């Protein structure tokens, strides 16, 4: 499992998703959106060691819109974000 960053259309959606993910027992935190991936909403969720399919299912079930899901890759110590579908 990988660390994930999820972007949202608004800060309100990010905060709602934070509440849902915490309720589901996920290890995560609300972070400023990395500029490398978006300049829209100021907040994203950083979710530690989780399955993107599980996250997607939870957010869709709770009807919380999200923009994109990224897997954090760190080959050779360089961090980059790989968008997944």
N, C-alpha and C. Protein backbone atom coordinates (compact mmCIF):
# COMPACT_ATOMS: atom_id res chain seq x y z
N UNK A 1 0.84 -1.18 0.00
CA UNK A 1 0.00 0.00 0.00
C UNK A 1 0.88 1.24 0.00
N UNK A 2 0.35 2.28 -0.59
CA UNK A 2 1.13 3.51 -0.78
C UNK A 2 0.50 4.67 -0.03
N UNK A 3 1.30 5.73 0.15
CA UNK A 3 0.76 6.99 0.63
C UNK A 3 0.07 7.67 -0.53
N UNK A 4 -1.06 8.33 -0.24
CA UNK A 4 -1.87 8.95 -1.28
C UNK A 4 -2.11 10.41 -0.94
N UNK A 5 -2.29 11.22 -1.99
CA UNK A 5 -2.77 12.59 -1.83
C UNK A 5 -4.04 12.70 -2.66
N UNK A 6 -5.09 13.22 -2.02
CA UNK A 6 -6.37 13.40 -2.70
C UNK A 6 -6.68 14.89 -2.74
N UNK A 7 -7.00 15.39 -3.93
CA UNK A 7 -7.37 16.79 -4.09
C UNK A 7 -8.89 16.91 -4.20
N UNK A 8 -9.39 18.10 -3.89
CA UNK A 8 -10.84 18.33 -3.83
C UNK A 8 -11.20 19.62 -4.55
N UNK A 9 -12.48 19.73 -4.94
CA UNK A 9 -12.92 20.96 -5.60
C UNK A 9 -13.03 22.16 -4.65
N UNK A 10 -13.15 21.89 -3.33
CA UNK A 10 -13.23 22.99 -2.37
C UNK A 10 -12.69 22.55 -1.02
N UNK A 11 -12.39 23.52 -0.19
CA UNK A 11 -11.91 23.23 1.16
C UNK A 11 -12.98 22.51 1.98
N UNK A 12 -14.24 22.85 1.77
CA UNK A 12 -15.33 22.19 2.50
C UNK A 12 -15.35 20.70 2.21
N UNK A 13 -15.12 20.32 0.95
CA UNK A 13 -15.09 18.90 0.60
C UNK A 13 -13.90 18.20 1.26
N UNK A 14 -12.76 18.87 1.31
CA UNK A 14 -11.57 18.29 1.94
C UNK A 14 -11.81 18.06 3.43
N UNK A 15 -12.46 19.01 4.10
CA UNK A 15 -12.73 18.88 5.53
C UNK A 15 -13.76 17.77 5.78
N UNK A 16 -14.77 17.67 4.94
CA UNK A 16 -15.75 16.59 5.07
C UNK A 16 -15.09 15.24 4.87
N UNK A 17 -14.20 15.14 3.89
CA UNK A 17 -13.49 13.88 3.64
C UNK A 17 -12.58 13.53 4.81
N UNK A 18 -11.96 14.54 5.41
CA UNK A 18 -11.11 14.29 6.58
C UNK A 18 -11.94 13.64 7.69
N UNK A 19 -13.11 14.17 7.95
CA UNK A 19 -13.99 13.62 8.99
C UNK A 19 -14.36 12.17 8.68
N UNK A 20 -14.75 11.89 7.44
CA UNK A 20 -15.16 10.54 7.04
C UNK A 20 -13.98 9.57 7.16
N UNK A 21 -12.82 9.97 6.69
CA UNK A 21 -11.65 9.09 6.73
C UNK A 21 -11.20 8.82 8.17
N UNK A 22 -11.25 9.83 9.02
CA UNK A 22 -10.91 9.62 10.43
C UNK A 22 -11.91 8.66 11.08
N UNK A 23 -13.19 8.83 10.74
CA UNK A 23 -14.23 7.94 11.27
C UNK A 23 -14.01 6.50 10.83
N UNK A 24 -13.41 6.32 9.65
CA UNK A 24 -13.13 4.98 9.13
C UNK A 24 -11.81 4.43 9.69
N UNK A 25 -11.15 5.19 10.56
CA UNK A 25 -9.93 4.72 11.21
C UNK A 25 -8.67 4.83 10.38
N UNK A 26 -8.70 5.68 9.36
CA UNK A 26 -7.52 5.84 8.51
C UNK A 26 -6.51 6.78 9.15
N UNK A 27 -5.24 6.47 8.93
CA UNK A 27 -4.16 7.35 9.36
C UNK A 27 -3.96 8.38 8.26
N UNK A 28 -4.25 9.64 8.56
CA UNK A 28 -4.22 10.67 7.53
C UNK A 28 -4.09 12.04 8.16
N UNK A 29 -3.87 13.04 7.30
CA UNK A 29 -3.85 14.42 7.76
C UNK A 29 -4.26 15.35 6.63
N UNK A 30 -4.84 16.47 7.03
CA UNK A 30 -5.20 17.53 6.10
C UNK A 30 -3.95 18.36 5.86
N UNK A 31 -3.57 18.56 4.59
CA UNK A 31 -2.34 19.28 4.27
C UNK A 31 -2.62 20.36 3.23
N UNK A 32 -1.74 21.34 3.11
CA UNK A 32 -1.85 22.27 1.98
C UNK A 32 -1.62 21.48 0.68
N UNK A 33 -2.40 21.77 -0.33
CA UNK A 33 -2.25 21.06 -1.60
C UNK A 33 -0.89 21.36 -2.20
N UNK A 34 -0.12 20.31 -2.52
CA UNK A 34 1.17 20.54 -3.17
C UNK A 34 0.99 21.28 -4.50
N UNK A 35 1.71 22.32 -4.73
CA UNK A 35 1.58 23.13 -5.95
C UNK A 35 1.93 22.34 -7.21
N UNK A 36 2.68 21.25 -7.04
CA UNK A 36 3.03 20.42 -8.19
C UNK A 36 1.82 19.73 -8.80
N UNK A 37 0.75 19.60 -8.01
CA UNK A 37 -0.41 18.85 -8.51
C UNK A 37 -1.65 19.69 -8.72
N UNK A 38 -1.78 20.84 -8.04
CA UNK A 38 -2.98 21.66 -8.23
C UNK A 38 -2.81 23.02 -7.58
N UNK A 39 -3.50 23.98 -8.15
CA UNK A 39 -3.54 25.30 -7.53
C UNK A 39 -4.98 25.70 -7.23
N UNK A 40 -5.91 24.75 -7.35
CA UNK A 40 -7.33 25.04 -7.12
C UNK A 40 -7.65 25.16 -5.63
N UNK A 41 -7.96 24.06 -5.00
CA UNK A 41 -8.31 24.05 -3.58
C UNK A 41 -7.03 24.09 -2.75
N UNK A 42 -7.08 24.79 -1.65
CA UNK A 42 -5.90 24.93 -0.81
C UNK A 42 -5.58 23.73 0.06
N UNK A 43 -6.54 22.80 0.21
CA UNK A 43 -6.32 21.65 1.08
C UNK A 43 -6.47 20.34 0.35
N UNK A 44 -5.69 19.37 0.78
CA UNK A 44 -5.76 18.00 0.28
C UNK A 44 -5.65 17.07 1.48
N UNK A 45 -5.94 15.80 1.25
CA UNK A 45 -5.72 14.79 2.27
C UNK A 45 -4.49 13.99 1.92
N UNK A 46 -3.63 13.80 2.90
CA UNK A 46 -2.50 12.88 2.78
C UNK A 46 -2.90 11.66 3.58
N UNK A 47 -3.08 10.54 2.91
CA UNK A 47 -3.52 9.31 3.56
C UNK A 47 -2.36 8.33 3.50
N UNK A 48 -2.01 7.81 4.67
CA UNK A 48 -0.85 6.94 4.80
C UNK A 48 -1.23 5.48 4.54
N UNK A 49 -0.38 4.83 3.76
CA UNK A 49 -0.46 3.38 3.53
C UNK A 49 -1.89 2.87 3.37
N UNK A 50 -2.50 3.23 2.26
CA UNK A 50 -3.86 2.79 2.02
C UNK A 50 -4.07 2.47 0.56
N UNK A 51 -5.19 1.83 0.29
CA UNK A 51 -5.56 1.40 -1.05
C UNK A 51 -6.42 2.47 -1.71
N UNK A 52 -6.02 2.99 -2.88
CA UNK A 52 -6.80 4.03 -3.54
C UNK A 52 -8.23 3.60 -3.87
N UNK A 53 -8.43 2.33 -4.17
CA UNK A 53 -9.79 1.85 -4.47
C UNK A 53 -10.69 1.95 -3.25
N UNK A 54 -10.14 1.64 -2.09
CA UNK A 54 -10.90 1.72 -0.85
C UNK A 54 -11.29 3.18 -0.56
N UNK A 55 -10.34 4.07 -0.74
CA UNK A 55 -10.60 5.50 -0.50
C UNK A 55 -11.69 6.00 -1.45
N UNK A 56 -11.56 5.66 -2.72
CA UNK A 56 -12.54 6.08 -3.72
C UNK A 56 -13.94 5.58 -3.34
N UNK A 57 -14.04 4.32 -2.94
CA UNK A 57 -15.34 3.75 -2.56
C UNK A 57 -15.95 4.48 -1.38
N UNK A 58 -15.14 4.79 -0.38
CA UNK A 58 -15.65 5.48 0.80
C UNK A 58 -16.15 6.87 0.44
N UNK A 59 -15.38 7.62 -0.33
CA UNK A 59 -15.79 8.98 -0.70
C UNK A 59 -17.03 8.96 -1.58
N UNK A 60 -17.09 8.03 -2.52
CA UNK A 60 -18.27 7.94 -3.39
C UNK A 60 -19.50 7.52 -2.60
N UNK A 61 -19.35 6.59 -1.67
CA UNK A 61 -20.47 6.15 -0.85
C UNK A 61 -21.03 7.30 -0.01
N UNK A 62 -20.14 8.14 0.50
CA UNK A 62 -20.55 9.28 1.33
C UNK A 62 -20.89 10.51 0.49
N UNK A 63 -20.81 10.38 -0.84
CA UNK A 63 -21.14 11.45 -1.78
C UNK A 63 -20.28 12.71 -1.55
N UNK A 64 -18.99 12.48 -1.34
CA UNK A 64 -18.04 13.58 -1.18
C UNK A 64 -17.24 13.69 -2.47
N UNK A 65 -17.41 14.79 -3.21
CA UNK A 65 -16.67 14.94 -4.46
C UNK A 65 -15.18 15.16 -4.21
N UNK A 66 -14.38 14.57 -5.08
CA UNK A 66 -12.93 14.79 -5.03
C UNK A 66 -12.47 15.02 -6.46
N UNK A 67 -11.33 15.65 -6.60
CA UNK A 67 -10.83 15.96 -7.94
C UNK A 67 -9.96 14.83 -8.47
N UNK A 68 -8.86 14.53 -7.76
CA UNK A 68 -7.91 13.52 -8.24
C UNK A 68 -7.27 12.79 -7.06
N UNK A 69 -6.78 11.59 -7.36
CA UNK A 69 -6.03 10.81 -6.39
C UNK A 69 -4.63 10.59 -6.96
N UNK A 70 -3.63 10.83 -6.13
CA UNK A 70 -2.24 10.67 -6.53
C UNK A 70 -1.55 9.69 -5.59
N UNK A 71 -0.70 8.84 -6.15
CA UNK A 71 0.19 8.00 -5.36
C UNK A 71 1.51 8.74 -5.25
N UNK A 72 2.05 8.79 -4.05
CA UNK A 72 3.35 9.44 -3.85
C UNK A 72 4.44 8.42 -4.18
N UNK A 73 5.27 8.77 -5.13
CA UNK A 73 6.40 7.94 -5.54
C UNK A 73 7.68 8.62 -5.08
N UNK A 74 8.66 7.83 -4.66
CA UNK A 74 9.93 8.40 -4.22
C UNK A 74 11.12 7.58 -4.70
N UNK A 75 11.25 7.41 -6.02
CA UNK A 75 12.43 6.68 -6.49
C UNK A 75 13.67 7.57 -6.33
N UNK A 76 14.74 6.97 -5.92
CA UNK A 76 16.01 7.70 -5.75
C UNK A 76 15.87 8.90 -4.82
N UNK A 77 14.91 8.84 -3.90
CA UNK A 77 14.75 9.92 -2.93
C UNK A 77 14.02 11.15 -3.44
N UNK A 78 13.65 11.20 -4.72
CA UNK A 78 12.92 12.33 -5.26
C UNK A 78 11.43 12.07 -5.22
N UNK A 79 10.68 12.96 -4.59
CA UNK A 79 9.24 12.79 -4.47
C UNK A 79 8.53 13.31 -5.73
N UNK A 80 7.63 12.49 -6.27
CA UNK A 80 6.73 12.99 -7.30
C UNK A 80 5.38 12.33 -7.13
N UNK A 81 4.36 12.93 -7.73
CA UNK A 81 2.98 12.49 -7.57
C UNK A 81 2.50 11.88 -8.88
N UNK A 82 2.05 10.62 -8.80
CA UNK A 82 1.55 9.93 -9.99
C UNK A 82 0.02 9.87 -9.89
N UNK A 83 -0.64 10.54 -10.83
CA UNK A 83 -2.10 10.53 -10.84
C UNK A 83 -2.61 9.16 -11.23
N UNK A 84 -3.63 8.68 -10.53
CA UNK A 84 -4.24 7.41 -10.87
C UNK A 84 -5.70 7.63 -11.21
N UNK A 85 -6.26 6.69 -11.95
CA UNK A 85 -7.68 6.78 -12.33
C UNK A 85 -8.56 6.09 -11.33
